[in-house]
Amino acid sequence: MIFARGVGLPGRVWETKTPQWMSDITCDRQFVRSSLAAQAGLHAAFGFPIQSGEEILGVITFFCREVKPPDFGLLQTMVVIGNQLGQFLKRQQAEAALRREQERTEQLLLNVLPASIVIS
C-alpha cells in the first residue's frame, strides 16, 4: 500500500525517518485503518524504515493482538535490520545497473567490432 507522508503508521515512519510504536491503534484517530484493525482484533503496532543512509526505501509494519507498551530494545533491533535491508536493496540495484551497462557496452561493441573479438 502507499500512504502519504504522515498518514497512518507507515506515513509517520516515512515522515520522521524513525521507528514508531503505537500501543493501541484502535484508539488512535490518525491510524487510517483503525476500524479494520479493531475487526481483526489488532491493537499494538510498530513500524520501522528500510533505509540506506538518509534515503527511505520503504517501511515495514508489525501488529499484535494485545495492547503493548513500547519496547525500545525491539525498535532499535528493527532499525538495525532496516538499515541492513536498505544496504542490501541498494547493492541489488547497483548490481542490476552494472549488468545493464555491461549489456549496453557489449551491444555497442558488437555494433562496431566482429562478434569473435567482442565475445572472447
PDB file of N, CA and C in Angstrom:
ATOM      1  N   MET A   1       0.835  -1.178   0.000  1.00  0.00           N
ATOM      2  CA  MET A   1       0.000   0.000   0.000  1.00  0.00           C
ATOM      3  C   MET A   1       0.884   1.246   0.000  1.00  0.00           C
ATOM      4  N   ILE A   2       0.338   2.318  -0.497  1.00  0.00           N
ATOM      5  CA  ILE A   2       1.050   3.586  -0.499  1.00  0.00           C
ATOM      6  C   ILE A   2       0.311   4.554   0.416  1.00  0.00           C
ATOM      7  N   PHE A   3       1.041   5.157   1.336  1.00  0.00           N
ATOM      8  CA  PHE A   3       0.497   6.143   2.263  1.00  0.00           C
ATOM      9  C   PHE A   3       1.203   7.472   2.042  1.00  0.00           C
ATOM     10  N   ALA A   4       0.471   8.550   2.208  1.00  0.00           N
ATOM     11  CA  ALA A   4       1.091   9.875   2.152  1.00  0.00           C
ATOM     12  C   ALA A   4       1.954  10.061   3.393  1.00  0.00           C
ATOM     13  N   ARG A   5       2.938  10.925   3.279  1.00  0.00           N
ATOM     14  CA  ARG A   5       3.790  11.216   4.440  1.00  0.00           C
ATOM     15  C   ARG A   5       2.930  11.676   5.609  1.00  0.00           C
ATOM     16  N   GLY A   6       3.178  11.090   6.764  1.00  0.00           N
ATOM     17  CA  GLY A   6       2.457  11.468   7.970  1.00  0.00           C
ATOM     18  C   GLY A   6       1.127  10.774   8.158  1.00  0.00           C
ATOM     19  N   VAL A   7       0.646  10.030   7.160  1.00  0.00           N
ATOM     20  CA  VAL A   7      -0.656   9.375   7.241  1.00  0.00           C
ATOM     21  C   VAL A   7      -0.466   7.919   7.646  1.00  0.00           C
ATOM     22  N   GLY A   8      -1.179   7.525   8.689  1.00  0.00           N
ATOM     23  CA  GLY A   8      -1.076   6.156   9.172  1.00  0.00           C
ATOM     24  C   GLY A   8       0.309   5.873   9.749  1.00  0.00           C
ATOM     25  N   LEU A   9       0.484   4.676  10.226  1.00  0.00           N
ATOM     26  CA  LEU A   9       1.768   4.293  10.808  1.00  0.00           C
ATOM     27  C   LEU A   9       2.902   4.342   9.781  1.00  0.00           C
ATOM     28  N   PRO A  10       2.720   3.762   8.581  1.00  0.00           N
ATOM     29  CA  PRO A  10       3.813   3.846   7.605  1.00  0.00           C
ATOM     30  C   PRO A  10       4.154   5.284   7.231  1.00  0.00           C
ATOM     31  N   GLY A  11       3.144   6.122   7.094  1.00  0.00           N
ATOM     32  CA  GLY A  11       3.383   7.523   6.748  1.00  0.00           C
ATOM     33  C   GLY A  11       4.137   8.275   7.825  1.00  0.00           C
ATOM     34  N   ARG A  12       3.864   7.934   9.078  1.00  0.00           N
ATOM     35  CA  ARG A  12       4.587   8.555  10.199  1.00  0.00           C
ATOM     36  C   ARG A  12       6.055   8.154  10.190  1.00  0.00           C
ATOM     37  N   VAL A  13       6.289   6.864   9.947  1.00  0.00           N
ATOM     38  CA  VAL A  13       7.668   6.375   9.897  1.00  0.00           C
ATOM     39  C   VAL A  13       8.399   7.059   8.739  1.00  0.00           C
ATOM     40  N   TRP A  14       7.728   7.136   7.579  1.00  0.00           N
ATOM     41  CA  TRP A  14       8.344   7.734   6.398  1.00  0.00           C
ATOM     42  C   TRP A  14       8.678   9.209   6.652  1.00  0.00           C
ATOM     43  N   GLU A  15       7.754   9.913   7.280  1.00  0.00           N
ATOM     44  CA  GLU A  15       7.938  11.338   7.520  1.00  0.00           C
ATOM     45  C   GLU A  15       9.050  11.623   8.535  1.00  0.00           C
ATOM     46  N   THR A  16       9.076  10.840   9.613  1.00  0.00           N
ATOM     47  CA  THR A  16      10.050  11.092  10.684  1.00  0.00           C
ATOM     48  C   THR A  16      11.378  10.385  10.472  1.00  0.00           C
ATOM     49  N   LYS A  17      11.392   9.369   9.600  1.00  0.00           N
ATOM     50  CA  LYS A  17      12.579   8.538   9.364  1.00  0.00           C
ATOM     51  C   LYS A  17      13.021   7.829  10.637  1.00  0.00           C
ATOM     52  N   THR A  18      12.065   7.584  11.521  1.00  0.00           N
ATOM     53  CA  THR A  18      12.352   6.911  12.784  1.00  0.00           C
ATOM     54  C   THR A  18      11.315   5.816  13.015  1.00  0.00           C
ATOM     55  N   PRO A  19      11.646   4.811  13.830  1.00  0.00           N
ATOM     56  CA  PRO A  19      10.649   3.797  14.157  1.00  0.00           C
ATOM     57  C   PRO A  19       9.532   4.423  14.988  1.00  0.00           C
ATOM     58  N   GLN A  20       8.350   3.873  14.848  1.00  0.00           N
ATOM     59  CA  GLN A  20       7.186   4.369  15.581  1.00  0.00           C
ATOM     60  C   GLN A  20       6.486   3.198  16.260  1.00  0.00           C
ATOM     61  N   TRP A  21       6.005   3.430  17.475  1.00  0.00           N
ATOM     62  CA  TRP A  21       5.278   2.411  18.243  1.00  0.00           C
ATOM     63  C   TRP A  21       3.912   2.956  18.600  1.00  0.00           C
ATOM     64  N   MET A  22       2.899   2.144  18.434  1.00  0.00           N
ATOM     65  CA  MET A  22       1.546   2.516  18.828  1.00  0.00           C
ATOM     66  C   MET A  22       1.040   1.431  19.764  1.00  0.00           C
ATOM     67  N   SER A  23       0.763   1.785  20.999  1.00  0.00           N
ATOM     68  CA  SER A  23       0.341   0.803  21.998  1.00  0.00           C
ATOM     69  C   SER A  23      -1.039   0.235  21.690  1.00  0.00           C
ATOM     70  N   ASP A  24      -1.933   1.063  21.146  1.00  0.00           N
ATOM     71  CA  ASP A  24      -3.277   0.593  20.789  1.00  0.00           C
ATOM     72  C   ASP A  24      -3.791   1.396  19.595  1.00  0.00           C
ATOM     73  N   ILE A  25      -3.677   0.809  18.424  1.00  0.00           N
ATOM     74  CA  ILE A  25      -4.066   1.502  17.189  1.00  0.00           C
ATOM     75  C   ILE A  25      -5.563   1.752  17.092  1.00  0.00           C
ATOM     76  N   THR A  26      -6.361   0.995  17.838  1.00  0.00           N
ATOM     77  CA  THR A  26      -7.804   1.196  17.764  1.00  0.00           C
ATOM     78  C   THR A  26      -8.229   2.501  18.427  1.00  0.00           C
ATOM     79  N   CYS A  27      -7.369   3.070  19.260  1.00  0.00           N
ATOM     80  CA  CYS A  27      -7.680   4.327  19.953  1.00  0.00           C
ATOM     81  C   CYS A  27      -7.057   5.541  19.276  1.00  0.00           C
ATOM     82  N   ASP A  28      -6.300   5.324  18.226  1.00  0.00           N
ATOM     83  CA  ASP A  28      -5.594   6.417  17.558  1.00  0.00           C
ATOM     84  C   ASP A  28      -6.399   6.883  16.351  1.00  0.00           C
ATOM     85  N   ARG A  29      -6.923   8.090  16.404  1.00  0.00           N
ATOM     86  CA  ARG A  29      -7.768   8.618  15.322  1.00  0.00           C
ATOM     87  C   ARG A  29      -6.986   8.835  14.036  1.00  0.00           C
ATOM     88  N   GLN A  30      -5.675   8.997  14.134  1.00  0.00           N
ATOM     89  CA  GLN A  30      -4.868   9.213  12.941  1.00  0.00           C
ATOM     90  C   GLN A  30      -4.495   7.907  12.242  1.00  0.00           C
ATOM     91  N   PHE A  31      -4.748   6.790  12.873  1.00  0.00           N
ATOM     92  CA  PHE A  31      -4.469   5.497  12.247  1.00  0.00           C
ATOM     93  C   PHE A  31      -5.594   5.208  11.265  1.00  0.00           C
ATOM     94  N   VAL A  32      -5.299   5.283   9.969  1.00  0.00           N
ATOM     95  CA  VAL A  32      -6.340   5.241   8.939  1.00  0.00           C
ATOM     96  C   VAL A  32      -7.057   3.895   8.835  1.00  0.00           C
ATOM     97  N   ARG A  33      -6.484   2.850   9.353  1.00  0.00           N
ATOM     98  CA  ARG A  33      -7.115   1.527   9.265  1.00  0.00           C
ATOM     99  C   ARG A  33      -7.576   1.029  10.630  1.00  0.00           C
ATOM    100  N   SER A  34      -7.903   1.943  11.550  1.00  0.00           N
ATOM    101  CA  SER A  34      -8.255   1.539  12.915  1.00  0.00           C
ATOM    102  C   SER A  34      -9.493   0.668  12.952  1.00  0.00           C
ATOM    103  N   SER A  35     -10.487   0.928  12.113  1.00  0.00           N
ATOM    104  CA  SER A  35     -11.691   0.085  12.131  1.00  0.00           C
ATOM    105  C   SER A  35     -11.375  -1.324  11.641  1.00  0.00           C
ATOM    106  N   LEU A  36     -10.538  -1.443  10.623  1.00  0.00           N
ATOM    107  CA  LEU A  36     -10.129  -2.768  10.148  1.00  0.00           C
ATOM    108  C   LEU A  36      -9.301  -3.494  11.200  1.00  0.00           C
ATOM    109  N   ALA A  37      -8.440  -2.748  11.882  1.00  0.00           N
ATOM    110  CA  ALA A  37      -7.628  -3.343  12.940  1.00  0.00           C
ATOM    111  C   ALA A  37      -8.506  -3.862  14.063  1.00  0.00           C
ATOM    112  N   ALA A  38      -9.517  -3.072  14.442  1.00  0.00           N
ATOM    113  CA  ALA A  38     -10.426  -3.487  15.507  1.00  0.00           C
ATOM    114  C   ALA A  38     -11.174  -4.753  15.105  1.00  0.00           C
ATOM    115  N   GLN A  39     -11.630  -4.822  13.865  1.00  0.00           N
ATOM    116  CA  GLN A  39     -12.332  -6.020  13.376  1.00  0.00           C
ATOM    117  C   GLN A  39     -11.433  -7.254  13.422  1.00  0.00           C
ATOM    118  N   ALA A  40     -10.140  -7.037  13.145  1.00  0.00           N
ATOM    119  CA  ALA A  40      -9.189  -8.152  13.146  1.00  0.00           C
ATOM    120  C   ALA A  40      -8.658  -8.458  14.540  1.00  0.00           C
ATOM    121  N   GLY A  41      -9.019  -7.631  15.525  1.00  0.00           N
ATOM    122  CA  GLY A  41      -8.551  -7.851  16.888  1.00  0.00           C
ATOM    123  C   GLY A  41      -7.120  -7.407  17.118  1.00  0.00           C
ATOM    124  N   LEU A  42      -6.649  -6.454  16.317  1.00  0.00           N
ATOM    125  CA  LEU A  42      -5.274  -5.973  16.452  1.00  0.00           C
ATOM    126  C   LEU A  42      -5.235  -4.745  17.347  1.00  0.00           C
ATOM    127  N   HIS A  43      -4.173  -4.600  18.101  1.00  0.00           N
ATOM    128  CA  HIS A  43      -4.042  -3.449  18.995  1.00  0.00           C
ATOM    129  C   HIS A  43      -2.676  -2.768  18.836  1.00  0.00           C
ATOM    130  N   ALA A  44      -1.628  -3.365  19.347  1.00  0.00           N
ATOM    131  CA  ALA A  44      -0.314  -2.725  19.266  1.00  0.00           C
ATOM    132  C   ALA A  44       0.241  -2.852  17.855  1.00  0.00           C
ATOM    133  N   ALA A  45       1.062  -1.877  17.483  1.00  0.00           N
ATOM    134  CA  ALA A  45       1.714  -1.907  16.173  1.00  0.00           C
ATOM    135  C   ALA A  45       3.014  -1.124  16.254  1.00  0.00           C
ATOM    136  N   PHE A  46       3.948  -1.523  15.425  1.00  0.00           N
ATOM    137  CA  PHE A  46       5.158  -0.720  15.289  1.00  0.00           C
ATOM    138  C   PHE A  46       5.631  -0.812  13.855  1.00  0.00           C
ATOM    139  N   GLY A  47       6.347   0.209  13.454  1.00  0.00           N
ATOM    140  CA  GLY A  47       6.890   0.244  12.112  1.00  0.00           C
ATOM    141  C   GLY A  47       8.284   0.829  12.149  1.00  0.00           C
ATOM    142  N   PHE A  48       9.072   0.460  11.162  1.00  0.00           N
ATOM    143  CA  PHE A  48      10.434   0.978  11.082  1.00  0.00           C
ATOM    144  C   PHE A  48      10.814   1.167   9.622  1.00  0.00           C
ATOM    145  N   PRO A  49      11.729   2.109   9.377  1.00  0.00           N
ATOM    146  CA  PRO A  49      12.114   2.379   7.994  1.00  0.00           C
ATOM    147  C   PRO A  49      13.143   1.396   7.469  1.00  0.00           C
ATOM    148  N   ILE A  50      13.038   1.118   6.184  1.00  0.00           N
ATOM    149  CA  ILE A  50      14.111   0.447   5.460  1.00  0.00           C
ATOM    150  C   ILE A  50      14.851   1.596   4.798  1.00  0.00           C
ATOM    151  N   GLN A  51      16.093   1.804   5.205  1.00  0.00           N
ATOM    152  CA  GLN A  51      16.778   2.957   4.659  1.00  0.00           C
ATOM    153  C   GLN A  51      18.228   2.677   4.344  1.00  0.00           C
ATOM    154  N   SER A  52      18.731   3.478   3.437  1.00  0.00           N
ATOM    155  CA  SER A  52      20.136   3.453   3.057  1.00  0.00           C
ATOM    156  C   SER A  52      20.637   4.874   3.224  1.00  0.00           C
ATOM    157  N   GLY A  53      21.461   5.081   4.220  1.00  0.00           N
ATOM    158  CA  GLY A  53      21.873   6.445   4.549  1.00  0.00           C
ATOM    159  C   GLY A  53      20.651   7.228   4.998  1.00  0.00           C
ATOM    160  N   GLU A  54      20.398   8.349   4.369  1.00  0.00           N
ATOM    161  CA  GLU A  54      19.225   9.163   4.696  1.00  0.00           C
ATOM    162  C   GLU A  54      18.012   8.835   3.824  1.00  0.00           C
ATOM    163  N   GLU A  55      18.209   7.984   2.810  1.00  0.00           N
ATOM    164  CA  GLU A  55      17.122   7.668   1.884  1.00  0.00           C
ATOM    165  C   GLU A  55      16.226   6.553   2.432  1.00  0.00           C
ATOM    166  N   ILE A  56      14.924   6.837   2.521  1.00  0.00           N
ATOM    167  CA  ILE A  56      13.952   5.827   2.943  1.00  0.00           C
ATOM    168  C   ILE A  56      13.505   5.053   1.705  1.00  0.00           C
ATOM    169  N   LEU A  57      13.668   3.742   1.736  1.00  0.00           N
ATOM    170  CA  LEU A  57      13.294   2.885   0.616  1.00  0.00           C
ATOM    171  C   LEU A  57      11.937   2.237   0.834  1.00  0.00           C
ATOM    172  N   GLY A  58      11.507   2.148   2.071  1.00  0.00           N
ATOM    173  CA  GLY A  58      10.243   1.516   2.396  1.00  0.00           C
ATOM    174  C   GLY A  58      10.031   1.502   3.898  1.00  0.00           C
ATOM    175  N   VAL A  59       8.906   0.947   4.292  1.00  0.00           N
ATOM    176  CA  VAL A  59       8.547   0.852   5.711  1.00  0.00           C
ATOM    177  C   VAL A  59       7.971  -0.537   5.956  1.00  0.00           C
ATOM    178  N   ILE A  60       8.362  -1.147   7.048  1.00  0.00           N
ATOM    179  CA  ILE A  60       7.787  -2.433   7.461  1.00  0.00           C
ATOM    180  C   ILE A  60       7.005  -2.203   8.745  1.00  0.00           C
ATOM    181  N   THR A  61       5.799  -2.757   8.796  1.00  0.00           N
ATOM    182  CA  THR A  61       4.977  -2.636   9.996  1.00  0.00           C
ATOM    183  C   THR A  61       4.610  -4.022  10.516  1.00  0.00           C
ATOM    184  N   PHE A  62       4.472  -4.110  11.832  1.00  0.00           N
ATOM    185  CA  PHE A  62       4.056  -5.334  12.508  1.00  0.00           C
ATOM    186  C   PHE A  62       2.906  -4.998  13.445  1.00  0.00           C
ATOM    187  N   PHE A  63       2.036  -5.971  13.671  1.00  0.00           N
ATOM    188  CA  PHE A  63       0.866  -5.775  14.522  1.00  0.00           C
ATOM    189  C   PHE A  63       0.790  -6.878  15.561  1.00  0.00           C
ATOM    190  N   CYS A  64       0.096  -6.580  16.672  1.00  0.00           N
ATOM    191  CA  CYS A  64      -0.059  -7.523  17.771  1.00  0.00           C
ATOM    192  C   CYS A  64      -1.515  -7.495  18.239  1.00  0.00           C
ATOM    193  N   ARG A  65      -2.002  -8.599  18.719  1.00  0.00           N
ATOM    194  CA  ARG A  65      -3.387  -8.674  19.194  1.00  0.00           C
ATOM    195  C   ARG A  65      -3.565  -8.135  20.612  1.00  0.00           C
ATOM    196  N   GLU A  66      -2.483  -7.762  21.250  1.00  0.00           N
ATOM    197  CA  GLU A  66      -2.549  -7.244  22.623  1.00  0.00           C
ATOM    198  C   GLU A  66      -2.115  -5.782  22.660  1.00  0.00           C
ATOM    199  N   VAL A  67      -2.612  -5.050  23.641  1.00  0.00           N
ATOM    200  CA  VAL A  67      -2.109  -3.706  23.897  1.00  0.00           C
ATOM    201  C   VAL A  67      -0.737  -3.860  24.541  1.00  0.00           C
ATOM    202  N   LYS A  68       0.271  -3.206  23.991  1.00  0.00           N
ATOM    203  CA  LYS A  68       1.640  -3.367  24.493  1.00  0.00           C
ATOM    204  C   LYS A  68       2.306  -2.009  24.640  1.00  0.00           C
ATOM    205  N   PRO A  69       3.026  -1.817  25.721  1.00  0.00           N
ATOM    206  CA  PRO A  69       3.825  -0.583  25.851  1.00  0.00           C
ATOM    207  C   PRO A  69       5.019  -0.659  24.897  1.00  0.00           C
ATOM    208  N   PRO A  70       5.609   0.472  24.570  1.00  0.00           N
ATOM    209  CA  PRO A  70       6.763   0.469  23.663  1.00  0.00           C
ATOM    210  C   PRO A  70       7.903  -0.402  24.170  1.00  0.00           C
ATOM    211  N   ASP A  71       8.511  -1.110  23.259  1.00  0.00           N
ATOM    212  CA  ASP A  71       9.691  -1.932  23.546  1.00  0.00           C
ATOM    213  C   ASP A  71      10.846  -1.309  22.761  1.00  0.00           C
ATOM    214  N   PHE A  72      11.599  -0.439  23.429  1.00  0.00           N
ATOM    215  CA  PHE A  72      12.639   0.315  22.740  1.00  0.00           C
ATOM    216  C   PHE A  72      13.793  -0.565  22.275  1.00  0.00           C
ATOM    217  N   GLY A  73      14.055  -1.650  22.976  1.00  0.00           N
ATOM    218  CA  GLY A  73      15.082  -2.592  22.532  1.00  0.00           C
ATOM    219  C   GLY A  73      14.706  -3.237  21.216  1.00  0.00           C
ATOM    220  N   LEU A  74      13.446  -3.649  21.102  1.00  0.00           N
ATOM    221  CA  LEU A  74      12.952  -4.237  19.861  1.00  0.00           C
ATOM    222  C   LEU A  74      13.023  -3.222  18.726  1.00  0.00           C
ATOM    223  N   LEU A  75      12.613  -1.988  18.994  1.00  0.00           N
ATOM    224  CA  LEU A  75      12.660  -0.953  17.959  1.00  0.00           C
ATOM    225  C   LEU A  75      14.089  -0.736  17.461  1.00  0.00           C
ATOM    226  N   GLN A  76      15.051  -0.689  18.374  1.00  0.00           N
ATOM    227  CA  GLN A  76      16.447  -0.489  17.966  1.00  0.00           C
ATOM    228  C   GLN A  76      16.943  -1.664  17.121  1.00  0.00           C
ATOM    229  N   THR A  77      16.556  -2.876  17.503  1.00  0.00           N
ATOM    230  CA  THR A  77      16.934  -4.048  16.718  1.00  0.00           C
ATOM    231  C   THR A  77      16.358  -3.951  15.313  1.00  0.00           C
ATOM    232  N   MET A  78      15.111  -3.505  15.208  1.00  0.00           N
ATOM    233  CA  MET A  78      14.466  -3.387  13.906  1.00  0.00           C
ATOM    234  C   MET A  78      15.097  -2.283  13.055  1.00  0.00           C
ATOM    235  N   VAL A  79      15.572  -1.224  13.699  1.00  0.00           N
ATOM    236  CA  VAL A  79      16.268  -0.167  12.963  1.00  0.00           C
ATOM    237  C   VAL A  79      17.538  -0.736  12.319  1.00  0.00           C
ATOM    238  N   VAL A  80      18.267  -1.549  13.067  1.00  0.00           N
ATOM    239  CA  VAL A  80      19.480  -2.174  12.528  1.00  0.00           C
ATOM    240  C   VAL A  80      19.110  -3.071  11.346  1.00  0.00           C
ATOM    241  N   ILE A  81      18.069  -3.861  11.501  1.00  0.00           N
ATOM    242  CA  ILE A  81      17.625  -4.741  10.413  1.00  0.00           C
ATOM    243  C   ILE A  81      17.183  -3.912   9.209  1.00  0.00           C
ATOM    244  N   GLY A  82      16.461  -2.820   9.460  1.00  0.00           N
ATOM    245  CA  GLY A  82      16.023  -1.945   8.373  1.00  0.00           C
ATOM    246  C   GLY A  82      17.198  -1.348   7.611  1.00  0.00           C
ATOM    247  N   ASN A  83      18.255  -0.984   8.325  1.00  0.00           N
ATOM    248  CA  ASN A  83      19.457  -0.458   7.670  1.00  0.00           C
ATOM    249  C   ASN A  83      20.154  -1.534   6.847  1.00  0.00           C
ATOM    250  N   GLN A  84      20.208  -2.753   7.378  1.00  0.00           N
ATOM    251  CA  GLN A  84      20.821  -3.848   6.630  1.00  0.00           C
ATOM    252  C   GLN A  84      20.018  -4.169   5.376  1.00  0.00           C
ATOM    253  N   LEU A  85      18.692  -4.168   5.489  1.00  0.00           N
ATOM    254  CA  LEU A  85      17.844  -4.383   4.313  1.00  0.00           C
ATOM    255  C   LEU A  85      18.054  -3.281   3.281  1.00  0.00           C
ATOM    256  N   GLY A  86      18.151  -2.054   3.742  1.00  0.00           N
ATOM    257  CA  GLY A  86      18.383  -0.934   2.837  1.00  0.00           C
ATOM    258  C   GLY A  86      19.698  -1.072   2.087  1.00  0.00           C
ATOM    259  N   GLN A  87      20.755  -1.469   2.799  1.00  0.00           N
ATOM    260  CA  GLN A  87      22.050  -1.672   2.147  1.00  0.00           C
ATOM    261  C   GLN A  87      21.970  -2.802   1.125  1.00  0.00           C
ATOM    262  N   PHE A  88      21.266  -3.874   1.476  1.00  0.00           N
ATOM    263  CA  PHE A  88      21.097  -4.999   0.564  1.00  0.00           C
ATOM    264  C   PHE A  88      20.351  -4.559  -0.697  1.00  0.00           C
ATOM    265  N   LEU A  89      19.262  -3.807  -0.526  1.00  0.00           N
ATOM    266  CA  LEU A  89      18.486  -3.348  -1.688  1.00  0.00           C
ATOM    267  C   LEU A  89      19.312  -2.424  -2.574  1.00  0.00           C
ATOM    268  N   LYS A  90      20.059  -1.520  -1.986  1.00  0.00           N
ATOM    269  CA  LYS A  90      20.912  -0.627  -2.766  1.00  0.00           C
ATOM    270  C   LYS A  90      21.972  -1.421  -3.528  1.00  0.00           C
ATOM    271  N   ARG A  91      22.544  -2.422  -2.893  1.00  0.00           N
ATOM    272  CA  ARG A  91      23.529  -3.264  -3.564  1.00  0.00           C
ATOM    273  C   ARG A  91      22.896  -4.003  -4.741  1.00  0.00           C
ATOM    274  N   GLN A  92      21.679  -4.518  -4.530  1.00  0.00           N
ATOM    275  CA  GLN A  92      20.972  -5.203  -5.615  1.00  0.00           C
ATOM    276  C   GLN A  92      20.702  -4.240  -6.783  1.00  0.00           C
ATOM    277  N   GLN A  93      20.307  -3.015  -6.471  1.00  0.00           N
ATOM    278  CA  GLN A  93      20.061  -2.017  -7.517  1.00  0.00           C
ATOM    279  C   GLN A  93      21.349  -1.696  -8.268  1.00  0.00           C
ATOM    280  N   ALA A  94      22.453  -1.559  -7.549  1.00  0.00           N
ATOM    281  CA  ALA A  94      23.739  -1.252  -8.183  1.00  0.00           C
ATOM    282  C   ALA A  94      24.184  -2.399  -9.087  1.00  0.00           C
ATOM    283  N   GLU A  95      24.001  -3.640  -8.625  1.00  0.00           N
ATOM    284  CA  GLU A  95      24.376  -4.791  -9.439  1.00  0.00           C
ATOM    285  C   GLU A  95      23.532  -4.874 -10.700  1.00  0.00           C
ATOM    286  N   ALA A  96      22.241  -4.588 -10.590  1.00  0.00           N
ATOM    287  CA  ALA A  96      21.360  -4.596 -11.758  1.00  0.00           C
ATOM    288  C   ALA A  96      21.766  -3.506 -12.743  1.00  0.00           C
ATOM    289  N   ALA A  97      22.107  -2.326 -12.230  1.00  0.00           N
ATOM    290  CA  ALA A  97      22.550  -1.232 -13.104  1.00  0.00           C
ATOM    291  C   ALA A  97      23.855  -1.606 -13.797  1.00  0.00           C
ATOM    292  N   LEU A  98      24.767  -2.253 -13.079  1.00  0.00           N
ATOM    293  CA  LEU A  98      26.025  -2.685 -13.670  1.00  0.00           C
ATOM    294  C   LEU A  98      25.786  -3.707 -14.782  1.00  0.00           C
ATOM    295  N   ARG A  99      24.884  -4.670 -14.533  1.00  0.00           N
ATOM    296  CA  ARG A  99      24.564  -5.659 -15.570  1.00  0.00           C
ATOM    297  C   ARG A  99      23.997  -4.985 -16.820  1.00  0.00           C
ATOM    298  N   ARG A 100      23.097  -3.992 -16.618  1.00  0.00           N
ATOM    299  CA  ARG A 100      22.519  -3.276 -17.770  1.00  0.00           C
ATOM    300  C   ARG A 100      23.615  -2.536 -18.550  1.00  0.00           C
ATOM    301  N   GLU A 101      24.538  -1.918 -17.836  1.00  0.00           N
ATOM    302  CA  GLU A 101      25.624  -1.194 -18.503  1.00  0.00           C
ATOM    303  C   GLU A 101      26.560  -2.149 -19.233  1.00  0.00           C
ATOM    304  N   GLN A 102      26.819  -3.312 -18.648  1.00  0.00           N
ATOM    305  CA  GLN A 102      27.669  -4.296 -19.317  1.00  0.00           C
ATOM    306  C   GLN A 102      27.006  -4.779 -20.605  1.00  0.00           C
ATOM    307  N   GLU A 103      25.690  -5.040 -20.546  1.00  0.00           N
ATOM    308  CA  GLU A 103      24.959  -5.467 -21.746  1.00  0.00           C
ATOM    309  C   GLU A 103      24.964  -4.367 -22.805  1.00  0.00           C
ATOM    310  N   ARG A 104      24.800  -3.131 -22.355  1.00  0.00           N
ATOM    311  CA  ARG A 104      24.789  -1.997 -23.286  1.00  0.00           C
ATOM    312  C   ARG A 104      26.162  -1.840 -23.941  1.00  0.00           C
ATOM    313  N   THR A 105      27.221  -1.957 -23.138  1.00  0.00           N
ATOM    314  CA  THR A 105      28.572  -1.845 -23.666  1.00  0.00           C
ATOM    315  C   THR A 105      28.859  -2.956 -24.662  1.00  0.00           C
ATOM    316  N   GLU A 106      28.452  -4.172 -24.320  1.00  0.00           N
ATOM    317  CA  GLU A 106      28.662  -5.299 -25.229  1.00  0.00           C
ATOM    318  C   GLU A 106      27.919  -5.083 -26.536  1.00  0.00           C
ATOM    319  N   GLN A 107      26.703  -4.571 -26.466  1.00  0.00           N
ATOM    320  CA  GLN A 107      25.924  -4.321 -27.674  1.00  0.00           C
ATOM    321  C   GLN A 107      26.589  -3.246 -28.536  1.00  0.00           C
ATOM    322  N   LEU A 108      27.110  -2.195 -27.894  1.00  0.00           N
ATOM    323  CA  LEU A 108      27.817  -1.147 -28.643  1.00  0.00           C
ATOM    324  C   LEU A 108      29.060  -1.710 -29.328  1.00  0.00           C
ATOM    325  N   LEU A 109      29.795  -2.558 -28.607  1.00  0.00           N
ATOM    326  CA  LEU A 109      30.978  -3.181 -29.205  1.00  0.00           C
ATOM    327  C   LEU A 109      30.608  -4.089 -30.365  1.00  0.00           C
ATOM    328  N   LEU A 110      29.498  -4.808 -30.226  1.00  0.00           N
ATOM    329  CA  LEU A 110      29.054  -5.686 -31.318  1.00  0.00           C
ATOM    330  C   LEU A 110      28.674  -4.875 -32.548  1.00  0.00           C
ATOM    331  N   ASN A 111      28.268  -3.637 -32.347  1.00  0.00           N
ATOM    332  CA  ASN A 111      27.902  -2.785 -33.488  1.00  0.00           C
ATOM    333  C   ASN A 111      29.132  -2.332 -34.279  1.00  0.00           C
ATOM    334  N   VAL A 112      30.314  -2.295 -33.651  1.00  0.00           N
ATOM    335  CA  VAL A 112      31.497  -1.767 -34.347  1.00  0.00           C
ATOM    336  C   VAL A 112      32.601  -2.801 -34.553  1.00  0.00           C
ATOM    337  N   LEU A 113      32.566  -3.910 -33.811  1.00  0.00           N
ATOM    338  CA  LEU A 113      33.615  -4.927 -33.939  1.00  0.00           C
ATOM    339  C   LEU A 113      33.004  -6.276 -34.303  1.00  0.00           C
ATOM    340  N   PRO A 114      33.794  -7.151 -34.883  1.00  0.00           N
ATOM    341  CA  PRO A 114      33.292  -8.503 -35.152  1.00  0.00           C
ATOM    342  C   PRO A 114      32.962  -9.242 -33.851  1.00  0.00           C
ATOM    343  N   ALA A 115      31.920 -10.057 -33.866  1.00  0.00           N
ATOM    344  CA  ALA A 115      31.477 -10.776 -32.676  1.00  0.00           C
ATOM    345  C   ALA A 115      32.582 -11.644 -32.082  1.00  0.00           C
ATOM    346  N   SER A 116      33.441 -12.223 -32.893  1.00  0.00           N
ATOM    347  CA  SER A 116      34.517 -13.089 -32.380  1.00  0.00           C
ATOM    348  C   SER A 116      35.471 -12.319 -31.479  1.00  0.00           C
ATOM    349  N   ILE A 117      35.643 -11.039 -31.706  1.00  0.00           N
ATOM    350  CA  ILE A 117      36.527 -10.230 -30.870  1.00  0.00           C
ATOM    351  C   ILE A 117      35.826  -9.826 -29.585  1.00  0.00           C
ATOM    352  N   VAL A 118      34.549  -9.444 -29.680  1.00  0.00           N
ATOM    353  CA  VAL A 118      33.795  -8.965 -28.525  1.00  0.00           C
ATOM    354  C   VAL A 118      33.555 -10.072 -27.505  1.00  0.00           C
ATOM    355  N   ILE A 119      33.245 -11.273 -27.984  1.00  0.00           N
ATOM    356  CA  ILE A 119      32.862 -12.374 -27.085  1.00  0.00           C
ATOM    357  C   ILE A 119      34.088 -13.008 -26.424  1.00  0.00           C
ATOM    358  N   SER A 120      35.228 -12.931 -27.019  1.00  0.00           N
ATOM    359  CA  SER A 120      36.410 -13.578 -26.447  1.00  0.00           C
ATOM    360  C   SER A 120      36.951 -12.848 -25.279  1.00  0.00           C
TER     361      SER A 120
END
